[in-house]
C-alpha atoms as a PDB file:
ATOM      1  CA  MET A   1      35.077  -6.585 -21.758  1.00  0.00           C
ATOM      2  CA  GLU A   2      35.410  -2.981 -20.627  1.00  0.00           C
ATOM      3  CA  ILE A   3      32.780  -0.282 -21.203  1.00  0.00           C
ATOM      4  CA  ASP A   4      33.438   3.423 -20.768  1.00  0.00           C
ATOM      5  CA  ALA A   5      30.941   5.419 -18.701  1.00  0.00           C
ATOM      6  CA  ARG A   6      30.677   8.769 -16.947  1.00  0.00           C
ATOM      7  CA  SER A   7      32.025   8.872 -13.399  1.00  0.00           C
ATOM      8  CA  ILE A   8      29.418   9.886 -10.801  1.00  0.00           C
ATOM      9  CA  SER A   9      30.532   8.585  -7.382  1.00  0.00           C
ATOM     10  CA  LYS A  10      34.144   7.556  -6.773  1.00  0.00           C
ATOM     11  CA  GLY A  11      35.300   4.146  -5.670  1.00  0.00           C
ATOM     12  CA  SER A  12      35.037   0.649  -7.039  1.00  0.00           C
ATOM     13  CA  GLY A  13      32.598  -2.189  -6.539  1.00  0.00           C
ATOM     14  CA  LYS A  14      32.207  -5.743  -7.731  1.00  0.00           C
ATOM     15  CA  GLY A  15      29.262  -8.129  -7.585  1.00  0.00           C
ATOM     16  CA  PRO A  16      26.497  -9.879  -9.471  1.00  0.00           C
ATOM     17  CA  ALA A  17      24.316  -7.681 -11.670  1.00  0.00           C
ATOM     18  CA  LEU A  18      20.732  -6.922 -10.673  1.00  0.00           C
ATOM     19  CA  ILE A  19      19.046  -5.413 -13.724  1.00  0.00           C
ATOM     20  CA  SER A  20      15.806  -3.516 -14.225  1.00  0.00           C
ATOM     21  CA  ARG A  21      14.640  -1.694 -17.319  1.00  0.00           C
ATOM     22  CA  GLU A  22      12.249   0.195 -14.995  1.00  0.00           C
ATOM     23  CA  PRO A  23      13.247   3.197 -12.832  1.00  0.00           C
ATOM     24  CA  LEU A  24      13.618   2.572  -9.107  1.00  0.00           C
ATOM     25  CA  SER A  25      12.623   4.636  -6.081  1.00  0.00           C
ATOM     26  CA  PHE A  26      14.610   4.033  -2.925  1.00  0.00           C
ATOM     27  CA  LEU A  27      12.001   5.792  -0.757  1.00  0.00           C
ATOM     28  CA  GLY A  28       9.217   3.247  -0.415  1.00  0.00           C
ATOM     29  CA  GLY A  29      10.868   1.026  -3.003  1.00  0.00           C
ATOM     30  CA  VAL A  30      13.752  -0.467  -1.017  1.00  0.00           C
ATOM     31  CA  ASN A  31      13.723  -1.551   2.619  1.00  0.00           C
ATOM     32  CA  PRO A  32      16.780   0.158   4.194  1.00  0.00           C
ATOM     33  CA  LYS A  33      17.045  -2.478   6.943  1.00  0.00           C
ATOM     34  CA  THR A  34      17.064  -5.525   4.655  1.00  0.00           C
ATOM     35  CA  GLY A  35      17.963  -4.278   1.163  1.00  0.00           C
ATOM     36  CA  GLU A  36      14.839  -5.931  -0.269  1.00  0.00           C
ATOM     37  CA  ILE A  37      13.014  -4.220  -3.122  1.00  0.00           C
ATOM     38  CA  ILE A  38       9.472  -3.745  -1.836  1.00  0.00           C
ATOM     39  CA  GLU A  39       7.906  -1.455  -4.456  1.00  0.00           C
ATOM     40  CA  GLU A  40       4.550  -2.917  -5.503  1.00  0.00           C
ATOM     41  CA  GLY A  41       4.458  -3.756  -9.193  1.00  0.00           C
ATOM     42  CA  HIS A  42       8.201  -3.330  -9.727  1.00  0.00           C
ATOM     43  CA  PRO A  43       9.763  -6.161 -11.759  1.00  0.00           C
ATOM     44  CA  LEU A  44      12.471  -6.621  -9.090  1.00  0.00           C
ATOM     45  CA  LYS A  45      10.059  -6.826  -6.135  1.00  0.00           C
ATOM     46  CA  GLY A  46      11.424  -9.403  -3.700  1.00  0.00           C
ATOM     47  CA  GLU A  47      15.016  -9.147  -4.966  1.00  0.00           C
ATOM     48  CA  ASN A  48      17.778  -7.815  -2.710  1.00  0.00           C
ATOM     49  CA  VAL A  49      20.206  -5.023  -3.653  1.00  0.00           C
ATOM     50  CA  SER A  50      22.800  -5.947  -1.021  1.00  0.00           C
ATOM     51  CA  GLY A  51      26.228  -6.584  -2.555  1.00  0.00           C
ATOM     52  CA  ARG A  52      24.861  -6.379  -6.100  1.00  0.00           C
ATOM     53  CA  ILE A  53      25.699  -4.045  -8.958  1.00  0.00           C
ATOM     54  CA  LEU A  54      22.329  -2.381  -9.461  1.00  0.00           C
ATOM     55  CA  VAL A  55      21.634  -1.528 -13.118  1.00  0.00           C
ATOM     56  CA  PHE A  56      18.567   0.588 -13.917  1.00  0.00           C
ATOM     57  CA  PRO A  57      17.759   3.493 -16.223  1.00  0.00           C
ATOM     58  CA  HIS A  58      17.340   6.229 -13.576  1.00  0.00           C
ATOM     59  CA  GLY A  59      15.821   6.905 -10.201  1.00  0.00           C
ATOM     60  CA  LYS A  60      12.416   8.281  -9.343  1.00  0.00           C
ATOM     61  CA  GLY A  61      10.602   9.548  -6.298  1.00  0.00           C
ATOM     62  CA  SER A  62      11.392  11.728  -3.324  1.00  0.00           C
ATOM     63  CA  THR A  63      14.710  13.269  -2.347  1.00  0.00           C
ATOM     64  CA  VAL A  64      14.474  11.268   0.888  1.00  0.00           C
ATOM     65  CA  GLY A  65      15.528   8.313  -1.284  1.00  0.00           C
ATOM     66  CA  SER A  66      19.106   9.597  -0.931  1.00  0.00           C
ATOM     67  CA  TYR A  67      18.887   9.024   2.822  1.00  0.00           C
ATOM     68  CA  VAL A  68      17.418   5.560   2.300  1.00  0.00           C
ATOM     69  CA  MET A  69      20.600   4.762   0.354  1.00  0.00           C
ATOM     70  CA  LEU A  70      22.649   5.999   3.321  1.00  0.00           C
ATOM     71  CA  GLY A  71      20.539   3.786   5.601  1.00  0.00           C
ATOM     72  CA  LEU A  72      21.383   0.785   3.411  1.00  0.00           C
ATOM     73  CA  VAL A  73      25.086   1.472   3.959  1.00  0.00           C
ATOM     74  CA  LYS A  74      24.659   1.862   7.715  1.00  0.00           C
ATOM     75  CA  ASN A  75      22.820  -1.487   7.795  1.00  0.00           C
ATOM     76  CA  ASN A  76      25.429  -3.220   5.574  1.00  0.00           C
ATOM     77  CA  LYS A  77      22.752  -3.825   2.914  1.00  0.00           C
ATOM     78  CA  ALA A  78      23.873  -1.399   0.189  1.00  0.00           C
ATOM     79  CA  PRO A  79      24.503  -2.275  -3.424  1.00  0.00           C
ATOM     80  CA  ALA A  80      28.176  -2.768  -4.360  1.00  0.00           C
ATOM     81  CA  GLY A  81      27.674  -0.200  -7.108  1.00  0.00           C
ATOM     82  CA  ILE A  82      25.137   1.503  -9.356  1.00  0.00           C
ATOM     83  CA  ILE A  83      24.953   1.878 -13.130  1.00  0.00           C
ATOM     84  CA  ASN A  84      22.324   4.201 -14.596  1.00  0.00           C
ATOM     85  CA  LEU A  85      21.623   5.088 -18.194  1.00  0.00           C
ATOM     86  CA  GLU A  86      21.106   8.710 -17.128  1.00  0.00           C
ATOM     87  CA  ALA A  87      21.680   9.623 -13.496  1.00  0.00           C
ATOM     88  CA  GLU A  88      19.377  12.098 -11.785  1.00  0.00           C
ATOM     89  CA  PRO A  89      19.970  14.135  -8.606  1.00  0.00           C
ATOM     90  CA  ILE A  90      18.324  11.807  -6.055  1.00  0.00           C
ATOM     91  CA  ILE A  91      20.466   8.797  -6.956  1.00  0.00           C
ATOM     92  CA  ILE A  92      23.585  10.942  -7.514  1.00  0.00           C
ATOM     93  CA  VAL A  93      23.363  12.529  -4.050  1.00  0.00           C
ATOM     94  CA  GLY A  94      22.527   9.188  -2.443  1.00  0.00           C
ATOM     95  CA  ALA A  95      25.514   7.467  -4.051  1.00  0.00           C
ATOM     96  CA  ILE A  96      27.924  10.269  -3.139  1.00  0.00           C
ATOM     97  CA  ILE A  97      26.880  10.660   0.512  1.00  0.00           C
ATOM     98  CA  SER A  98      26.763   6.874   0.888  1.00  0.00           C
ATOM     99  CA  LYS A  99      30.071   6.316  -0.924  1.00  0.00           C
ATOM    100  CA  ILE A 100      28.454   3.827  -3.304  1.00  0.00           C
ATOM    101  CA  PRO A 101      30.464   3.685  -6.553  1.00  0.00           C
ATOM    102  CA  MET A 102      28.335   4.906  -9.448  1.00  0.00           C
ATOM    103  CA  VAL A 103      28.569   5.527 -13.185  1.00  0.00           C
ATOM    104  CA  ASP A 104      26.093   6.461 -15.887  1.00  0.00           C
ATOM    105  CA  ARG A 105      25.918   6.944 -19.654  1.00  0.00           C
ATOM    106  CA  PRO A 106      27.579   3.634 -20.584  1.00  0.00           C
ATOM    107  CA  ALA A 107      29.113   3.785 -24.082  1.00  0.00           C
ATOM    108  CA  LYS A 108      27.351   0.522 -25.026  1.00  0.00           C
ATOM    109  CA  ASP A 109      23.795  -0.739 -24.462  1.00  0.00           C
ATOM    110  CA  ILE A 110      24.253  -2.283 -21.022  1.00  0.00           C
ATOM    111  CA  PHE A 111      20.846  -3.999 -21.205  1.00  0.00           C
ATOM    112  CA  GLU A 112      21.901  -5.909 -24.333  1.00  0.00           C
ATOM    113  CA  ILE A 113      25.282  -6.977 -22.939  1.00  0.00           C
ATOM    114  CA  VAL A 114      24.721  -7.758 -19.256  1.00  0.00           C
ATOM    115  CA  LYS A 115      22.348 -10.329 -17.786  1.00  0.00           C
ATOM    116  CA  ASN A 116      21.157 -10.743 -14.189  1.00  0.00           C
ATOM    117  CA  GLY A 117      23.822 -12.512 -12.173  1.00  0.00           C
ATOM    118  CA  ASP A 118      26.759 -11.594 -14.450  1.00  0.00           C
ATOM    119  CA  ILE A 119      29.704 -10.467 -12.340  1.00  0.00           C
ATOM    120  CA  LEU A 120      30.353  -6.766 -12.932  1.00  0.00           C
ATOM    121  CA  GLU A 121      33.028  -4.461 -11.642  1.00  0.00           C
ATOM    122  CA  ILE A 122      32.622  -0.716 -11.786  1.00  0.00           C
ATOM    123  CA  ASP A 123      35.206   1.963 -11.258  1.00  0.00           C
ATOM    124  CA  GLY A 124      33.357   5.129 -10.338  1.00  0.00           C
ATOM    125  CA  THR A 125      36.594   7.100 -10.267  1.00  0.00           C
ATOM    126  CA  LYS A 126      37.687   6.277 -13.817  1.00  0.00           C
ATOM    127  CA  GLY A 127      34.226   5.713 -15.290  1.00  0.00           C
ATOM    128  CA  LYS A 128      34.697   2.078 -16.284  1.00  0.00           C
ATOM    129  CA  ILE A 129      32.432  -0.999 -16.266  1.00  0.00           C
ATOM    130  CA  ARG A 130      34.062  -4.428 -16.546  1.00  0.00           C
ATOM    131  CA  LEU A 131      32.277  -7.666 -17.370  1.00  0.00           C
END
């Protein structure tokens, strides 16, 4: 299955889906050295973003979150790609400077179609999600 989306950050990525219906903050929410989600009370606390296609509605928190995303790349712990329902500037800048493929505004309800662990491929250049 292929789903159209809006291109945000170029490149392609493939990996198992890690899904949250809750927004995510990279600053204070993700450990840049390990890739572990550490935000207290977040449904994904204890999960790891490394090599996963991270699916969440949008980001939240400080602009420093963009640099946390860059730290994940430098530590080889970054997600393989990001899918948002509606991207916001912190995640957009983080994905672009970190060269993490990213799309948003999927044409279909991604939360109804994709389950945690499903293998996803995203093409941030063409704006495509493949399941």
